[in-house]
Amino acid sequence: MGLILIEALGAGVLLVLIVWWTMFSGRVKGELPATQAPEKRPNDRDT
């Protein structure tokens, strides 16, 4: 039973690390500033 709990905890930690890595990789200081809007691509449609 203890081994199952340790394995589940390890999987949860791995999941959190993957989510954290994908959220903040490539950004110098984390989230973008609120004043900066994402650039619009020429292919995007206005709907």
N, C-alpha and C. Protein backbone atom coordinates (compact mmCIF):
# COMPACT_ATOMS: atom_id res chain seq x y z
N MET A 1 0.82 -1.20 0.00
CA MET A 1 0.00 0.00 0.00
C MET A 1 0.86 1.26 0.00
N GLY A 2 1.92 1.23 0.79
CA GLY A 2 2.82 2.37 0.86
C GLY A 2 3.51 2.64 -0.47
N LEU A 3 3.85 1.57 -1.17
CA LEU A 3 4.51 1.72 -2.47
C LEU A 3 3.58 2.39 -3.47
N ILE A 4 2.30 2.09 -3.43
CA ILE A 4 1.33 2.71 -4.33
C ILE A 4 1.22 4.21 -4.03
N LEU A 5 1.21 4.57 -2.76
CA LEU A 5 1.14 5.98 -2.38
C LEU A 5 2.38 6.75 -2.82
N ILE A 6 3.55 6.15 -2.66
CA ILE A 6 4.80 6.79 -3.09
C ILE A 6 4.81 6.95 -4.60
N GLU A 7 4.34 5.95 -5.31
CA GLU A 7 4.29 6.01 -6.76
C GLU A 7 3.31 7.09 -7.23
N ALA A 8 2.16 7.20 -6.58
CA ALA A 8 1.18 8.23 -6.92
C ALA A 8 1.73 9.63 -6.62
N LEU A 9 2.42 9.77 -5.52
CA LEU A 9 3.04 11.05 -5.18
C LEU A 9 4.10 11.43 -6.21
N GLY A 10 4.90 10.48 -6.63
CA GLY A 10 5.91 10.73 -7.65
C GLY A 10 5.29 11.14 -8.97
N ALA A 11 4.19 10.49 -9.35
CA ALA A 11 3.51 10.85 -10.60
C ALA A 11 2.92 12.25 -10.50
N GLY A 12 2.39 12.61 -9.35
CA GLY A 12 1.84 13.95 -9.16
C GLY A 12 2.91 15.02 -9.24
N VAL A 13 4.05 14.76 -8.61
CA VAL A 13 5.15 15.71 -8.66
C VAL A 13 5.65 15.86 -10.10
N LEU A 14 5.75 14.76 -10.82
CA LEU A 14 6.18 14.81 -12.21
C LEU A 14 5.20 15.62 -13.05
N LEU A 15 3.92 15.45 -12.83
CA LEU A 15 2.90 16.20 -13.55
C LEU A 15 3.03 17.70 -13.27
N VAL A 16 3.22 18.06 -12.02
CA VAL A 16 3.37 19.48 -11.66
C VAL A 16 4.62 20.06 -12.30
N LEU A 17 5.70 19.32 -12.32
CA LEU A 17 6.94 19.81 -12.94
C LEU A 17 6.77 20.00 -14.44
N ILE A 18 6.09 19.09 -15.11
CA ILE A 18 5.86 19.22 -16.55
C ILE A 18 5.00 20.43 -16.84
N VAL A 19 3.94 20.63 -16.07
CA VAL A 19 3.07 21.78 -16.28
C VAL A 19 3.84 23.07 -16.01
N TRP A 20 4.61 23.12 -14.95
CA TRP A 20 5.40 24.31 -14.62
C TRP A 20 6.40 24.61 -15.73
N TRP A 21 7.06 23.59 -16.24
CA TRP A 21 8.05 23.77 -17.30
C TRP A 21 7.40 24.32 -18.56
N THR A 22 6.24 23.79 -18.96
CA THR A 22 5.60 24.25 -20.19
C THR A 22 5.00 25.64 -20.03
N MET A 23 4.62 26.03 -18.83
CA MET A 23 4.06 27.36 -18.63
C MET A 23 5.12 28.45 -18.71
N PHE A 24 6.30 28.19 -18.17
CA PHE A 24 7.28 29.25 -18.00
C PHE A 24 8.55 29.07 -18.82
N SER A 25 8.66 28.05 -19.64
CA SER A 25 9.88 27.90 -20.44
C SER A 25 9.90 28.93 -21.56
N GLY A 26 11.04 29.54 -21.77
CA GLY A 26 11.19 30.52 -22.83
C GLY A 26 10.85 31.93 -22.43
N ARG A 27 10.33 32.15 -21.26
CA ARG A 27 10.01 33.50 -20.79
C ARG A 27 11.05 33.91 -19.75
N VAL A 28 11.57 35.11 -19.93
CA VAL A 28 12.66 35.55 -19.07
C VAL A 28 12.20 35.70 -17.62
N LYS A 29 11.06 36.35 -17.41
CA LYS A 29 10.61 36.59 -16.04
C LYS A 29 9.21 36.04 -15.82
N GLY A 30 8.88 34.90 -16.36
CA GLY A 30 7.58 34.29 -16.13
C GLY A 30 6.50 34.83 -17.05
N GLU A 31 5.43 35.30 -16.46
CA GLU A 31 4.27 35.75 -17.23
C GLU A 31 4.55 37.04 -17.99
N LEU A 32 3.81 37.24 -19.08
CA LEU A 32 3.89 38.47 -19.85
C LEU A 32 3.26 39.61 -19.06
N PRO A 33 3.74 40.83 -19.25
CA PRO A 33 3.10 41.97 -18.59
C PRO A 33 1.66 42.14 -19.08
N ALA A 34 0.80 42.67 -18.22
CA ALA A 34 -0.62 42.82 -18.57
C ALA A 34 -0.83 43.83 -19.68
N THR A 35 0.09 44.77 -19.85
CA THR A 35 -0.08 45.81 -20.87
C THR A 35 0.30 45.31 -22.26
N GLN A 36 1.05 44.22 -22.35
CA GLN A 36 1.50 43.72 -23.65
C GLN A 36 0.47 42.74 -24.21
N ALA A 37 -0.09 43.08 -25.36
CA ALA A 37 -1.07 42.21 -26.00
C ALA A 37 -0.35 41.28 -26.98
N PRO A 38 -0.87 40.08 -27.17
CA PRO A 38 -0.26 39.18 -28.14
C PRO A 38 -0.38 39.73 -29.56
N GLU A 39 0.64 39.46 -30.36
CA GLU A 39 0.62 39.95 -31.73
C GLU A 39 -0.40 39.18 -32.56
N LYS A 40 -1.04 39.88 -33.49
CA LYS A 40 -2.03 39.25 -34.34
C LYS A 40 -1.35 38.78 -35.62
N ARG A 41 -1.62 37.55 -36.01
CA ARG A 41 -1.07 37.01 -37.24
C ARG A 41 -1.93 37.43 -38.43
N PRO A 42 -1.33 37.57 -39.60
CA PRO A 42 -2.10 38.00 -40.77
C PRO A 42 -3.19 37.00 -41.19
N ASN A 43 -3.04 35.73 -40.83
CA ASN A 43 -4.01 34.72 -41.24
C ASN A 43 -5.24 34.68 -40.36
N ASP A 44 -5.16 35.30 -39.18
CA ASP A 44 -6.29 35.24 -38.25
C ASP A 44 -7.49 35.99 -38.80
N ARG A 45 -8.66 35.40 -38.58
CA ARG A 45 -9.90 36.04 -39.02
C ARG A 45 -10.53 36.78 -37.85
N ASP A 46 -11.21 37.88 -38.16
CA ASP A 46 -11.98 38.60 -37.14
C ASP A 46 -13.38 38.03 -37.13
N THR A 47 -13.73 37.31 -36.09
CA THR A 47 -15.07 36.72 -36.00
C THR A 47 -15.78 37.22 -34.78
